[in-house]
Amino acid sequence: MRIFIKNMVCGRCISAVQAIFNEAGIPLKSVILGEAETASELSEKQWELLERQLEATGFERIKDSSRQQIEKIKNLVIAEISGLDIAEDFLLSEYLASTLHKDYSALSKTFSQNENITLEQFFILQKIEKVKELLLYNEFTLTEIAGKLGYKSVQHLSSQFRNITGFTPTEFKKLKIHNRKPLDQV
């Protein structure tokens, strides 16, 4: 049985969800970002326990099919950005349509209606959060970051960064307070 779970955005989230299922005594077949598959059907008592434990840890079971689709989209976007290997000619529309085997306009419409933001805006916000993270780690130059995140130039990255944050990347690095957002809140 597949269970869709909101707010799973990283490998640690997968580990946390696995621990929740283990604590509840519910055997799993698999866990990936946004969903878990159990070995068998759950009793009403198991559902109640599971939902309580998920919510206590900041997760939530998703029952609605459009919410499930949105969570899949979010997880795909986050995973793509986390890989730090976005081609300069990357098209979000082609990637999501081919990965989810759905028409992009339908995906985009569902996302926008439920999230009050377009898919492209969500993608940009996620990329900017990743830029903030990489700037703070100081492992890569701005040129390298631009290349890893599919920007055509450092100027394009800097312009987008400033539009979103109000700071240039250099100004952001100099700040004492780095206002990063958790990925599940972007």
N, C-alpha and C. Protein backbone atom coordinates (compact mmCIF):
# COMPACT_ATOMS: atom_id res chain seq x y z
N MET A 1 0.85 -1.17 0.00
CA MET A 1 0.00 0.00 0.00
C MET A 1 0.90 1.24 0.00
N ARG A 2 0.64 2.17 -0.93
CA ARG A 2 1.42 3.40 -1.03
C ARG A 2 0.78 4.50 -0.21
N ILE A 3 1.63 5.18 0.56
CA ILE A 3 1.19 6.29 1.41
C ILE A 3 2.00 7.50 1.00
N PHE A 4 1.32 8.57 0.67
CA PHE A 4 1.99 9.80 0.25
C PHE A 4 2.17 10.71 1.45
N ILE A 5 3.39 11.27 1.56
CA ILE A 5 3.75 12.03 2.76
C ILE A 5 4.29 13.40 2.37
N LYS A 6 3.72 14.43 2.97
CA LYS A 6 4.11 15.81 2.71
C LYS A 6 5.33 16.19 3.54
N ASN A 7 6.16 17.08 2.98
CA ASN A 7 7.33 17.67 3.63
C ASN A 7 8.56 16.78 3.67
N MET A 8 8.59 15.75 2.86
CA MET A 8 9.82 14.96 2.75
C MET A 8 10.67 15.61 1.67
N VAL A 9 11.81 16.18 2.06
CA VAL A 9 12.61 16.94 1.10
C VAL A 9 14.07 16.50 0.99
N CYS A 10 14.48 15.51 1.78
CA CYS A 10 15.89 15.13 1.74
C CYS A 10 16.06 13.69 2.25
N GLY A 11 17.28 13.23 2.18
CA GLY A 11 17.59 11.89 2.66
C GLY A 11 17.31 11.70 4.15
N ARG A 12 17.54 12.73 4.93
CA ARG A 12 17.27 12.63 6.36
C ARG A 12 15.77 12.46 6.62
N CYS A 13 14.96 13.04 5.75
CA CYS A 13 13.51 12.87 5.86
C CYS A 13 13.12 11.42 5.63
N ILE A 14 13.77 10.79 4.66
CA ILE A 14 13.51 9.37 4.39
C ILE A 14 13.85 8.55 5.63
N SER A 15 15.01 8.83 6.24
CA SER A 15 15.40 8.11 7.46
C SER A 15 14.41 8.35 8.59
N ALA A 16 13.95 9.59 8.73
CA ALA A 16 13.00 9.91 9.79
C ALA A 16 11.68 9.18 9.58
N VAL A 17 11.21 9.12 8.34
CA VAL A 17 9.95 8.42 8.05
C VAL A 17 10.12 6.92 8.29
N GLN A 18 11.25 6.37 7.89
CA GLN A 18 11.50 4.95 8.15
C GLN A 18 11.45 4.66 9.65
N ALA A 19 12.04 5.54 10.44
CA ALA A 19 12.04 5.37 11.90
C ALA A 19 10.62 5.43 12.45
N ILE A 20 9.80 6.33 11.92
CA ILE A 20 8.41 6.44 12.38
C ILE A 20 7.66 5.15 12.11
N PHE A 21 7.82 4.61 10.91
CA PHE A 21 7.16 3.35 10.58
C PHE A 21 7.67 2.21 11.46
N ASN A 22 8.97 2.18 11.71
CA ASN A 22 9.55 1.14 12.57
C ASN A 22 8.98 1.23 13.99
N GLU A 23 8.93 2.47 14.52
CA GLU A 23 8.39 2.67 15.86
C GLU A 23 6.92 2.25 15.94
N ALA A 24 6.19 2.45 14.86
CA ALA A 24 4.77 2.08 14.84
C ALA A 24 4.59 0.59 14.55
N GLY A 25 5.69 -0.12 14.26
CA GLY A 25 5.60 -1.55 13.98
C GLY A 25 4.97 -1.85 12.63
N ILE A 26 5.16 -0.95 11.68
CA ILE A 26 4.57 -1.13 10.35
C ILE A 26 5.69 -1.48 9.37
N PRO A 27 5.69 -2.71 8.85
CA PRO A 27 6.75 -3.11 7.92
C PRO A 27 6.64 -2.36 6.58
N LEU A 28 7.80 -1.96 6.07
CA LEU A 28 7.86 -1.20 4.83
C LEU A 28 8.47 -2.01 3.71
N LYS A 29 7.98 -1.75 2.50
CA LYS A 29 8.63 -2.28 1.30
C LYS A 29 9.69 -1.29 0.83
N SER A 30 9.32 0.00 0.83
CA SER A 30 10.25 1.03 0.38
C SER A 30 9.82 2.40 0.87
N VAL A 31 10.79 3.34 0.86
CA VAL A 31 10.51 4.74 1.17
C VAL A 31 11.35 5.57 0.20
N ILE A 32 10.69 6.49 -0.50
CA ILE A 32 11.36 7.46 -1.33
C ILE A 32 10.80 8.83 -0.97
N LEU A 33 11.39 9.88 -1.51
CA LEU A 33 10.88 11.21 -1.21
C LEU A 33 9.39 11.30 -1.53
N GLY A 34 8.60 11.63 -0.53
CA GLY A 34 7.18 11.86 -0.73
C GLY A 34 6.28 10.66 -0.60
N GLU A 35 6.86 9.46 -0.49
CA GLU A 35 5.97 8.30 -0.35
C GLU A 35 6.65 7.12 0.32
N ALA A 36 5.81 6.32 0.94
CA ALA A 36 6.25 5.08 1.57
C ALA A 36 5.32 3.98 1.10
N GLU A 37 5.88 2.80 0.95
CA GLU A 37 5.06 1.65 0.57
C GLU A 37 5.15 0.61 1.67
N THR A 38 3.99 0.25 2.20
CA THR A 38 3.94 -0.73 3.28
C THR A 38 3.82 -2.14 2.70
N ALA A 39 4.18 -3.11 3.52
CA ALA A 39 4.12 -4.50 3.10
C ALA A 39 2.68 -5.03 3.12
N SER A 40 1.81 -4.37 3.90
CA SER A 40 0.41 -4.83 3.98
C SER A 40 -0.50 -3.65 4.30
N GLU A 41 -1.81 -3.93 4.27
CA GLU A 41 -2.80 -2.91 4.62
C GLU A 41 -2.66 -2.55 6.10
N LEU A 42 -3.08 -1.33 6.45
CA LEU A 42 -2.98 -0.89 7.84
C LEU A 42 -4.34 -0.94 8.52
N SER A 43 -4.31 -1.25 9.80
CA SER A 43 -5.54 -1.22 10.59
C SER A 43 -5.86 0.23 10.94
N GLU A 44 -7.06 0.46 11.41
CA GLU A 44 -7.47 1.82 11.80
C GLU A 44 -6.56 2.35 12.91
N LYS A 45 -6.21 1.49 13.83
CA LYS A 45 -5.33 1.88 14.94
C LYS A 45 -3.94 2.27 14.42
N GLN A 46 -3.43 1.51 13.45
CA GLN A 46 -2.13 1.82 12.86
C GLN A 46 -2.16 3.16 12.12
N TRP A 47 -3.27 3.42 11.40
CA TRP A 47 -3.41 4.69 10.70
C TRP A 47 -3.35 5.86 11.69
N GLU A 48 -4.09 5.75 12.78
CA GLU A 48 -4.14 6.81 13.78
C GLU A 48 -2.77 7.06 14.38
N LEU A 49 -2.07 5.98 14.75
CA LEU A 49 -0.74 6.10 15.33
C LEU A 49 0.24 6.71 14.33
N LEU A 50 0.18 6.22 13.11
CA LEU A 50 1.08 6.70 12.07
C LEU A 50 0.87 8.19 11.80
N GLU A 51 -0.37 8.61 11.65
CA GLU A 51 -0.66 10.02 11.38
C GLU A 51 -0.21 10.92 12.52
N ARG A 52 -0.41 10.48 13.76
CA ARG A 52 0.04 11.25 14.93
C ARG A 52 1.56 11.41 14.92
N GLN A 53 2.26 10.29 14.66
CA GLN A 53 3.72 10.34 14.68
C GLN A 53 4.28 11.15 13.50
N LEU A 54 3.66 11.05 12.35
CA LEU A 54 4.10 11.85 11.21
C LEU A 54 3.95 13.34 11.52
N GLU A 55 2.78 13.72 12.02
CA GLU A 55 2.52 15.13 12.33
C GLU A 55 3.44 15.64 13.43
N ALA A 56 3.75 14.82 14.42
CA ALA A 56 4.64 15.23 15.51
C ALA A 56 6.06 15.51 15.00
N THR A 57 6.41 14.95 13.86
CA THR A 57 7.74 15.11 13.30
C THR A 57 7.76 16.11 12.14
N GLY A 58 6.63 16.73 11.86
CA GLY A 58 6.58 17.75 10.81
C GLY A 58 6.16 17.21 9.45
N PHE A 59 5.73 15.97 9.39
CA PHE A 59 5.25 15.38 8.14
C PHE A 59 3.73 15.31 8.19
N GLU A 60 3.14 14.94 7.07
CA GLU A 60 1.69 14.84 7.01
C GLU A 60 1.30 13.87 5.91
N ARG A 61 0.34 13.03 6.19
CA ARG A 61 -0.17 12.11 5.17
C ARG A 61 -1.02 12.89 4.18
N ILE A 62 -0.80 12.66 2.90
CA ILE A 62 -1.56 13.34 1.86
C ILE A 62 -2.59 12.37 1.31
N LYS A 63 -3.86 12.76 1.40
CA LYS A 63 -4.94 11.88 0.97
C LYS A 63 -5.47 12.27 -0.42
N ASP A 64 -5.45 13.55 -0.73
CA ASP A 64 -6.00 14.07 -1.98
C ASP A 64 -5.04 13.81 -3.15
N SER A 65 -5.56 13.36 -4.28
CA SER A 65 -4.71 13.00 -5.42
C SER A 65 -3.99 14.22 -6.02
N SER A 66 -4.64 15.39 -6.05
CA SER A 66 -3.94 16.56 -6.59
C SER A 66 -2.82 17.00 -5.66
N ARG A 67 -3.01 16.89 -4.37
CA ARG A 67 -1.95 17.21 -3.39
C ARG A 67 -0.80 16.21 -3.54
N GLN A 68 -1.13 14.94 -3.80
CA GLN A 68 -0.09 13.93 -4.02
C GLN A 68 0.75 14.30 -5.23
N GLN A 69 0.09 14.73 -6.29
CA GLN A 69 0.80 15.12 -7.52
C GLN A 69 1.69 16.34 -7.26
N ILE A 70 1.20 17.29 -6.52
CA ILE A 70 1.98 18.49 -6.20
C ILE A 70 3.21 18.11 -5.38
N GLU A 71 3.04 17.22 -4.44
CA GLU A 71 4.17 16.79 -3.61
C GLU A 71 5.22 16.06 -4.47
N LYS A 72 4.77 15.26 -5.42
CA LYS A 72 5.70 14.60 -6.34
C LYS A 72 6.48 15.63 -7.14
N ILE A 73 5.78 16.65 -7.64
CA ILE A 73 6.43 17.72 -8.40
C ILE A 73 7.48 18.41 -7.54
N LYS A 74 7.11 18.79 -6.33
CA LYS A 74 8.05 19.47 -5.43
C LYS A 74 9.28 18.60 -5.18
N ASN A 75 9.06 17.33 -4.93
CA ASN A 75 10.19 16.44 -4.65
C ASN A 75 11.09 16.27 -5.87
N LEU A 76 10.50 16.21 -7.05
CA LEU A 76 11.30 16.11 -8.28
C LEU A 76 12.14 17.37 -8.48
N VAL A 77 11.55 18.53 -8.26
CA VAL A 77 12.27 19.79 -8.41
C VAL A 77 13.42 19.87 -7.41
N ILE A 78 13.14 19.55 -6.15
CA ILE A 78 14.15 19.61 -5.10
C ILE A 78 15.29 18.63 -5.40
N ALA A 79 14.95 17.42 -5.82
CA ALA A 79 15.97 16.43 -6.14
C ALA A 79 16.82 16.86 -7.33
N GLU A 80 16.20 17.44 -8.34
CA GLU A 80 16.94 17.90 -9.52
C GLU A 80 17.93 19.00 -9.13
N ILE A 81 17.50 19.92 -8.31
CA ILE A 81 18.38 21.01 -7.88
C ILE A 81 19.48 20.48 -6.96
N SER A 82 19.15 19.56 -6.09
CA SER A 82 20.13 19.00 -5.16
C SER A 82 21.25 18.27 -5.88
N GLY A 83 20.95 17.73 -7.06
CA GLY A 83 21.96 17.00 -7.82
C GLY A 83 23.06 17.89 -8.36
N LEU A 84 22.85 19.20 -8.38
CA LEU A 84 23.83 20.18 -8.86
C LEU A 84 24.38 19.85 -10.24
N ASP A 85 23.49 19.39 -11.11
CA ASP A 85 23.91 19.03 -12.46
C ASP A 85 22.82 19.43 -13.47
N ILE A 86 22.39 20.66 -13.37
CA ILE A 86 21.33 21.15 -14.26
C ILE A 86 21.97 21.72 -15.52
N ALA A 87 21.60 21.19 -16.65
CA ALA A 87 22.15 21.67 -17.91
C ALA A 87 21.65 23.08 -18.21
N GLU A 88 22.45 23.84 -18.93
CA GLU A 88 22.07 25.21 -19.29
C GLU A 88 20.78 25.25 -20.12
N ASP A 89 20.55 24.19 -20.88
CA ASP A 89 19.34 24.14 -21.72
C ASP A 89 18.20 23.35 -21.07
N PHE A 90 18.29 23.12 -19.76
CA PHE A 90 17.27 22.38 -19.01
C PHE A 90 15.92 23.09 -19.12
N LEU A 91 14.89 22.31 -19.41
CA LEU A 91 13.53 22.84 -19.45
C LEU A 91 12.69 22.10 -18.40
N LEU A 92 12.24 22.84 -17.43
CA LEU A 92 11.43 22.26 -16.37
C LEU A 92 10.19 21.58 -16.94
N SER A 93 9.57 22.20 -17.92
CA SER A 93 8.35 21.66 -18.51
C SER A 93 8.59 20.28 -19.12
N GLU A 94 9.67 20.12 -19.87
CA GLU A 94 9.97 18.82 -20.49
C GLU A 94 10.32 17.78 -19.43
N TYR A 95 11.11 18.19 -18.46
CA TYR A 95 11.52 17.28 -17.40
C TYR A 95 10.32 16.72 -16.63
N LEU A 96 9.43 17.60 -16.19
CA LEU A 96 8.27 17.14 -15.41
C LEU A 96 7.29 16.34 -16.26
N ALA A 97 7.03 16.79 -17.47
CA ALA A 97 6.10 16.07 -18.35
C ALA A 97 6.61 14.66 -18.65
N SER A 98 7.90 14.53 -18.93
CA SER A 98 8.43 13.19 -19.27
C SER A 98 8.55 12.31 -18.02
N THR A 99 8.91 12.89 -16.90
CA THR A 99 9.07 12.10 -15.67
C THR A 99 7.73 11.63 -15.12
N LEU A 100 6.73 12.50 -15.15
CA LEU A 100 5.42 12.17 -14.59
C LEU A 100 4.43 11.64 -15.63
N HIS A 101 4.84 11.66 -16.90
CA HIS A 101 3.99 11.18 -18.00
C HIS A 101 2.63 11.87 -18.01
N LYS A 102 2.70 13.20 -17.86
CA LYS A 102 1.48 14.02 -17.86
C LYS A 102 1.77 15.28 -18.66
N ASP A 103 0.71 15.90 -19.14
CA ASP A 103 0.81 17.15 -19.86
C ASP A 103 1.27 18.25 -18.92
N TYR A 104 2.30 18.99 -19.32
CA TYR A 104 2.85 20.03 -18.44
C TYR A 104 1.82 21.10 -18.10
N SER A 105 1.00 21.49 -19.05
CA SER A 105 0.03 22.55 -18.77
C SER A 105 -0.94 22.13 -17.68
N ALA A 106 -1.32 20.85 -17.66
CA ALA A 106 -2.20 20.34 -16.60
C ALA A 106 -1.48 20.33 -15.25
N LEU A 107 -0.21 19.89 -15.26
CA LEU A 107 0.58 19.89 -14.03
C LEU A 107 0.73 21.32 -13.50
N SER A 108 1.05 22.23 -14.40
CA SER A 108 1.27 23.62 -14.03
C SER A 108 0.00 24.25 -13.46
N LYS A 109 -1.13 23.97 -14.09
CA LYS A 109 -2.40 24.53 -13.64
C LYS A 109 -2.75 24.02 -12.24
N THR A 110 -2.63 22.71 -12.03
CA THR A 110 -2.91 22.13 -10.71
C THR A 110 -2.00 22.72 -9.65
N PHE A 111 -0.71 22.82 -9.98
CA PHE A 111 0.26 23.37 -9.04
C PHE A 111 -0.10 24.81 -8.68
N SER A 112 -0.30 25.64 -9.68
CA SER A 112 -0.59 27.06 -9.46
C SER A 112 -1.87 27.28 -8.65
N GLN A 113 -2.90 26.50 -8.95
CA GLN A 113 -4.17 26.66 -8.24
C GLN A 113 -4.05 26.29 -6.77
N ASN A 114 -3.21 25.31 -6.46
CA ASN A 114 -3.09 24.84 -5.08
C ASN A 114 -2.00 25.55 -4.28
N GLU A 115 -0.97 26.03 -4.95
CA GLU A 115 0.17 26.62 -4.25
C GLU A 115 0.23 28.14 -4.34
N ASN A 116 -0.61 28.75 -5.16
CA ASN A 116 -0.61 30.20 -5.36
C ASN A 116 0.74 30.73 -5.83
N ILE A 117 1.43 29.92 -6.61
CA ILE A 117 2.71 30.28 -7.21
C ILE A 117 2.86 29.39 -8.44
N THR A 118 3.53 29.90 -9.46
CA THR A 118 3.70 29.06 -10.65
C THR A 118 4.81 28.05 -10.42
N LEU A 119 4.82 27.02 -11.23
CA LEU A 119 5.89 26.02 -11.16
C LEU A 119 7.25 26.66 -11.42
N GLU A 120 7.32 27.54 -12.39
CA GLU A 120 8.59 28.21 -12.71
C GLU A 120 9.06 29.05 -11.53
N GLN A 121 8.14 29.76 -10.88
CA GLN A 121 8.52 30.56 -9.70
C GLN A 121 9.03 29.65 -8.58
N PHE A 122 8.36 28.54 -8.37
CA PHE A 122 8.79 27.58 -7.35
C PHE A 122 10.19 27.08 -7.67
N PHE A 123 10.44 26.75 -8.93
CA PHE A 123 11.75 26.26 -9.37
C PHE A 123 12.83 27.32 -9.09
N ILE A 124 12.54 28.56 -9.43
CA ILE A 124 13.50 29.65 -9.20
C ILE A 124 13.76 29.84 -7.71
N LEU A 125 12.71 29.83 -6.90
CA LEU A 125 12.88 29.99 -5.44
C LEU A 125 13.73 28.86 -4.85
N GLN A 126 13.51 27.65 -5.34
CA GLN A 126 14.31 26.53 -4.87
C GLN A 126 15.78 26.69 -5.27
N LYS A 127 16.00 27.14 -6.50
CA LYS A 127 17.38 27.36 -6.96
C LYS A 127 18.06 28.44 -6.12
N ILE A 128 17.35 29.50 -5.80
CA ILE A 128 17.93 30.58 -5.00
C ILE A 128 18.28 30.08 -3.59
N GLU A 129 17.42 29.25 -3.01
CA GLU A 129 17.75 28.68 -1.69
C GLU A 129 19.01 27.82 -1.78
N LYS A 130 19.18 27.09 -2.88
CA LYS A 130 20.38 26.27 -3.07
C LYS A 130 21.60 27.17 -3.25
N VAL A 131 21.44 28.29 -3.96
CA VAL A 131 22.55 29.24 -4.13
C VAL A 131 22.97 29.76 -2.75
N LYS A 132 22.00 30.13 -1.91
CA LYS A 132 22.31 30.61 -0.56
C LYS A 132 23.14 29.56 0.20
N GLU A 133 22.67 28.32 0.14
CA GLU A 133 23.37 27.23 0.82
C GLU A 133 24.81 27.12 0.32
N LEU A 134 24.98 27.09 -0.99
CA LEU A 134 26.31 26.93 -1.57
C LEU A 134 27.21 28.12 -1.27
N LEU A 135 26.65 29.32 -1.23
CA LEU A 135 27.44 30.50 -0.87
C LEU A 135 27.95 30.40 0.56
N LEU A 136 27.11 29.92 1.45
CA LEU A 136 27.50 29.80 2.85
C LEU A 136 28.57 28.74 3.06
N TYR A 137 28.52 27.66 2.29
CA TYR A 137 29.52 26.60 2.41
C TYR A 137 30.86 27.04 1.85
N ASN A 138 30.83 28.02 0.93
CA ASN A 138 32.04 28.58 0.35
C ASN A 138 32.92 27.53 -0.36
N GLU A 139 32.30 26.47 -0.89
CA GLU A 139 33.05 25.43 -1.59
C GLU A 139 33.22 25.75 -3.07
N PHE A 140 32.30 26.54 -3.63
CA PHE A 140 32.31 26.82 -5.06
C PHE A 140 32.32 28.32 -5.30
N THR A 141 32.90 28.71 -6.42
CA THR A 141 32.83 30.11 -6.84
C THR A 141 31.43 30.37 -7.38
N LEU A 142 31.10 31.62 -7.54
CA LEU A 142 29.80 31.98 -8.09
C LEU A 142 29.67 31.46 -9.52
N THR A 143 30.75 31.46 -10.27
CA THR A 143 30.75 30.93 -11.63
C THR A 143 30.44 29.43 -11.62
N GLU A 144 31.04 28.70 -10.69
CA GLU A 144 30.78 27.26 -10.58
C GLU A 144 29.33 27.00 -10.16
N ILE A 145 28.83 27.79 -9.22
CA ILE A 145 27.44 27.64 -8.77
C ILE A 145 26.49 27.88 -9.94
N ALA A 146 26.75 28.93 -10.71
CA ALA A 146 25.91 29.24 -11.87
C ALA A 146 25.89 28.05 -12.83
N GLY A 147 27.04 27.47 -13.09
CA GLY A 147 27.12 26.31 -13.99
C GLY A 147 26.39 25.10 -13.46
N LYS A 148 26.50 24.84 -12.18
CA LYS A 148 25.87 23.66 -11.57
C LYS A 148 24.35 23.77 -11.52
N LEU A 149 23.84 25.01 -11.50
CA LEU A 149 22.40 25.21 -11.40
C LEU A 149 21.75 25.65 -12.71
N GLY A 150 22.50 25.53 -13.80
CA GLY A 150 21.92 25.75 -15.12
C GLY A 150 21.75 27.18 -15.56
N TYR A 151 22.39 28.11 -14.87
CA TYR A 151 22.31 29.51 -15.29
C TYR A 151 23.20 29.73 -16.50
N LYS A 152 22.75 30.56 -17.41
CA LYS A 152 23.52 30.85 -18.63
C LYS A 152 24.73 31.72 -18.33
N SER A 153 24.67 32.48 -17.23
CA SER A 153 25.79 33.35 -16.85
C SER A 153 25.70 33.69 -15.37
N VAL A 154 26.81 34.18 -14.83
CA VAL A 154 26.84 34.65 -13.45
C VAL A 154 25.91 35.86 -13.31
N GLN A 155 25.85 36.67 -14.36
CA GLN A 155 25.00 37.86 -14.32
C GLN A 155 23.52 37.46 -14.18
N HIS A 156 23.13 36.42 -14.90
CA HIS A 156 21.74 35.94 -14.81
C HIS A 156 21.44 35.47 -13.38
N LEU A 157 22.35 34.67 -12.81
CA LEU A 157 22.18 34.19 -11.44
C LEU A 157 22.11 35.39 -10.49
N SER A 158 23.04 36.31 -10.61
CA SER A 158 23.09 37.47 -9.71
C SER A 158 21.83 38.32 -9.80
N SER A 159 21.35 38.52 -11.01
CA SER A 159 20.14 39.31 -11.21
C SER A 159 18.93 38.62 -10.56
N GLN A 160 18.80 37.34 -10.80
CA GLN A 160 17.68 36.59 -10.21
C GLN A 160 17.80 36.57 -8.69
N PHE A 161 19.00 36.38 -8.18
CA PHE A 161 19.25 36.34 -6.74
C PHE A 161 18.84 37.67 -6.11
N ARG A 162 19.24 38.76 -6.74
CA ARG A 162 18.91 40.09 -6.20
C ARG A 162 17.40 40.35 -6.25
N ASN A 163 16.74 39.92 -7.32
CA ASN A 163 15.29 40.10 -7.43
C ASN A 163 14.55 39.37 -6.32
N ILE A 164 15.04 38.21 -5.95
CA ILE A 164 14.36 37.40 -4.92
C ILE A 164 14.73 37.84 -3.51
N THR A 165 16.02 38.07 -3.26
CA THR A 165 16.50 38.33 -1.89
C THR A 165 16.67 39.81 -1.56
N GLY A 166 16.86 40.64 -2.60
CA GLY A 166 17.16 42.05 -2.36
C GLY A 166 18.65 42.31 -2.19
N PHE A 167 19.46 41.26 -2.28
CA PHE A 167 20.91 41.37 -2.13
C PHE A 167 21.60 40.75 -3.33
N THR A 168 22.80 41.20 -3.61
CA THR A 168 23.63 40.48 -4.57
C THR A 168 24.20 39.27 -3.82
N PRO A 169 24.68 38.27 -4.53
CA PRO A 169 25.29 37.13 -3.84
C PRO A 169 26.45 37.55 -2.93
N THR A 170 27.25 38.51 -3.36
CA THR A 170 28.37 38.98 -2.54
C THR A 170 27.87 39.65 -1.27
N GLU A 171 26.85 40.49 -1.39
CA GLU A 171 26.27 41.14 -0.20
C GLU A 171 25.69 40.09 0.75
N PHE A 172 25.04 39.08 0.19
CA PHE A 172 24.45 38.02 1.02
C PHE A 172 25.53 37.31 1.83
N LYS A 173 26.66 37.00 1.19
CA LYS A 173 27.75 36.31 1.89
C LYS A 173 28.28 37.12 3.06
N LYS A 174 28.24 38.46 2.94
CA LYS A 174 28.78 39.33 3.98
C LYS A 174 27.82 39.52 5.15
N LEU A 175 26.56 39.18 4.96
CA LEU A 175 25.56 39.33 6.03
C LEU A 175 25.90 38.44 7.22
N LYS A 176 25.60 38.93 8.39
CA LYS A 176 25.80 38.10 9.59
C LYS A 176 24.63 37.15 9.79
N ILE A 177 23.44 37.58 9.37
CA ILE A 177 22.25 36.74 9.48
C ILE A 177 21.90 36.26 8.08
N HIS A 178 21.88 34.97 7.90
CA HIS A 178 21.58 34.38 6.59
C HIS A 178 20.18 33.80 6.64
N ASN A 179 19.26 34.51 6.04
CA ASN A 179 17.84 34.16 6.12
C ASN A 179 17.47 33.06 5.13
N ARG A 180 17.96 31.86 5.40
CA ARG A 180 17.59 30.72 4.54
C ARG A 180 16.29 30.15 5.04
N LYS A 181 15.54 29.57 4.11
CA LYS A 181 14.26 28.94 4.43
C LYS A 181 14.40 27.44 4.30
N PRO A 182 13.73 26.68 5.17
CA PRO A 182 13.67 25.23 4.95
C PRO A 182 13.00 24.96 3.60
N LEU A 183 13.48 23.96 2.88
CA LEU A 183 12.97 23.69 1.55
C LEU A 183 11.48 23.41 1.51
N ASP A 184 10.94 22.82 2.57
CA ASP A 184 9.51 22.52 2.57
C ASP A 184 8.66 23.76 2.83
N GLN A 185 9.31 24.90 3.11
CA GLN A 185 8.57 26.14 3.34
C GLN A 185 8.73 27.14 2.20
N VAL A 186 9.46 26.74 1.15
CA VAL A 186 9.66 27.63 0.01
C VAL A 186 8.42 27.57 -0.86
